[in-house]
Amino acid sequence: MLPENELIFTEWKKLVLKGIKGKRAHDARIVANALAHTIDSIATLNPKDFEGFPVKIITI
């Protein structure tokens, strides 16, 4: 688990202002958390959920 910080909201806001809405806003929060902690990849069972986000997707 990564610690919460202000940069997460800043990164999330950048993503949602590009038109992310609905359930994808929750995925954007995960991406924002990664970006705020300089993590460039997300491991997921649902790679389609993260398509179009600025992270590398690792399907597990």
C-alpha atoms as a PDB file:
ATOM      1  CA  MET A   1       0.000   0.000   0.000  1.00  0.00           C
ATOM      2  CA  LEU A   2       1.327   3.417  -0.950  1.00  0.00           C
ATOM      3  CA  PRO A   3       0.905   6.436   1.317  1.00  0.00           C
ATOM      4  CA  GLU A   4      -1.614   9.112   0.387  1.00  0.00           C
ATOM      5  CA  ASN A   5      -0.293  12.513  -0.617  1.00  0.00           C
ATOM      6  CA  GLU A   6      -1.474  15.689  -2.353  1.00  0.00           C
ATOM      7  CA  LEU A   7       0.192  14.773  -5.620  1.00  0.00           C
ATOM      8  CA  ILE A   8      -2.260  11.882  -6.075  1.00  0.00           C
ATOM      9  CA  PHE A   9      -5.170  14.314  -6.352  1.00  0.00           C
ATOM     10  CA  THR A  10      -3.185  16.528  -8.718  1.00  0.00           C
ATOM     11  CA  GLU A  11      -2.412  13.571 -11.000  1.00  0.00           C
ATOM     12  CA  TRP A  12      -6.008  12.292 -10.795  1.00  0.00           C
ATOM     13  CA  LYS A  13      -7.397  15.712 -11.692  1.00  0.00           C
ATOM     14  CA  LYS A  14      -5.168  15.862 -14.787  1.00  0.00           C
ATOM     15  CA  LEU A  15      -6.555  12.497 -15.900  1.00  0.00           C
ATOM     16  CA  VAL A  16     -10.246  13.231 -15.320  1.00  0.00           C
ATOM     17  CA  LEU A  17     -10.012  16.648 -16.967  1.00  0.00           C
ATOM     18  CA  LYS A  18      -9.100  14.750 -20.147  1.00  0.00           C
ATOM     19  CA  GLY A  19     -12.614  13.266 -20.145  1.00  0.00           C
ATOM     20  CA  ILE A  20     -12.350  10.293 -17.799  1.00  0.00           C
ATOM     21  CA  LYS A  21     -15.662   9.773 -15.993  1.00  0.00           C
ATOM     22  CA  GLY A  22     -17.883   7.160 -14.420  1.00  0.00           C
ATOM     23  CA  LYS A  23     -16.273   3.897 -13.311  1.00  0.00           C
ATOM     24  CA  ARG A  24     -13.055   4.806 -15.131  1.00  0.00           C
ATOM     25  CA  ALA A  25     -12.524   7.612 -12.611  1.00  0.00           C
ATOM     26  CA  HIS A  26     -11.765   4.883 -10.047  1.00  0.00           C
ATOM     27  CA  ASP A  27      -9.182   3.348 -12.387  1.00  0.00           C
ATOM     28  CA  ALA A  28      -7.757   6.840 -12.876  1.00  0.00           C
ATOM     29  CA  ARG A  29      -7.273   7.076  -9.102  1.00  0.00           C
ATOM     30  CA  ILE A  30      -5.145   3.914  -9.162  1.00  0.00           C
ATOM     31  CA  VAL A  31      -3.110   5.325 -12.056  1.00  0.00           C
ATOM     32  CA  ALA A  32      -2.746   8.675 -10.274  1.00  0.00           C
ATOM     33  CA  ASN A  33      -1.470   6.914  -7.171  1.00  0.00           C
ATOM     34  CA  ALA A  34       1.150   5.110  -9.246  1.00  0.00           C
ATOM     35  CA  LEU A  35       2.221   8.268 -11.065  1.00  0.00           C
ATOM     36  CA  ALA A  36       2.450  10.254  -7.835  1.00  0.00           C
ATOM     37  CA  HIS A  37       4.914   7.650  -6.546  1.00  0.00           C
ATOM     38  CA  THR A  38       6.898   7.523  -9.838  1.00  0.00           C
ATOM     39  CA  ILE A  39       5.635   4.041 -10.651  1.00  0.00           C
ATOM     40  CA  ASP A  40       5.220   3.591 -14.405  1.00  0.00           C
ATOM     41  CA  SER A  41       3.535   0.168 -14.523  1.00  0.00           C
ATOM     42  CA  ILE A  42       0.347  -1.399 -13.212  1.00  0.00           C
ATOM     43  CA  ALA A  43      -0.176  -5.148 -12.834  1.00  0.00           C
ATOM     44  CA  THR A  44      -3.811  -6.126 -13.359  1.00  0.00           C
ATOM     45  CA  LEU A  45      -6.169  -8.949 -14.199  1.00  0.00           C
ATOM     46  CA  ASN A  46      -8.199  -6.431 -16.234  1.00  0.00           C
ATOM     47  CA  PRO A  47      -5.852  -4.733 -18.704  1.00  0.00           C
ATOM     48  CA  LYS A  48      -8.716  -3.101 -20.637  1.00  0.00           C
ATOM     49  CA  ASP A  49      -9.512  -1.047 -17.526  1.00  0.00           C
ATOM     50  CA  PHE A  50      -6.202   0.785 -17.892  1.00  0.00           C
ATOM     51  CA  GLU A  51      -5.990   1.219 -21.659  1.00  0.00           C
ATOM     52  CA  GLY A  52      -5.315   4.806 -22.633  1.00  0.00           C
ATOM     53  CA  PHE A  53      -3.695   5.756 -19.338  1.00  0.00           C
ATOM     54  CA  PRO A  54      -0.024   6.855 -19.263  1.00  0.00           C
ATOM     55  CA  VAL A  55       1.254   3.673 -17.598  1.00  0.00           C
ATOM     56  CA  LYS A  56       2.616   0.360 -18.791  1.00  0.00           C
ATOM     57  CA  ILE A  57       0.064  -2.431 -18.303  1.00  0.00           C
ATOM     58  CA  ILE A  58       1.213  -5.806 -17.017  1.00  0.00           C
ATOM     59  CA  THR A  59      -1.415  -8.516 -17.345  1.00  0.00           C
ATOM     60  CA  ILE A  60      -1.289 -11.109 -14.577  1.00  0.00           C
END
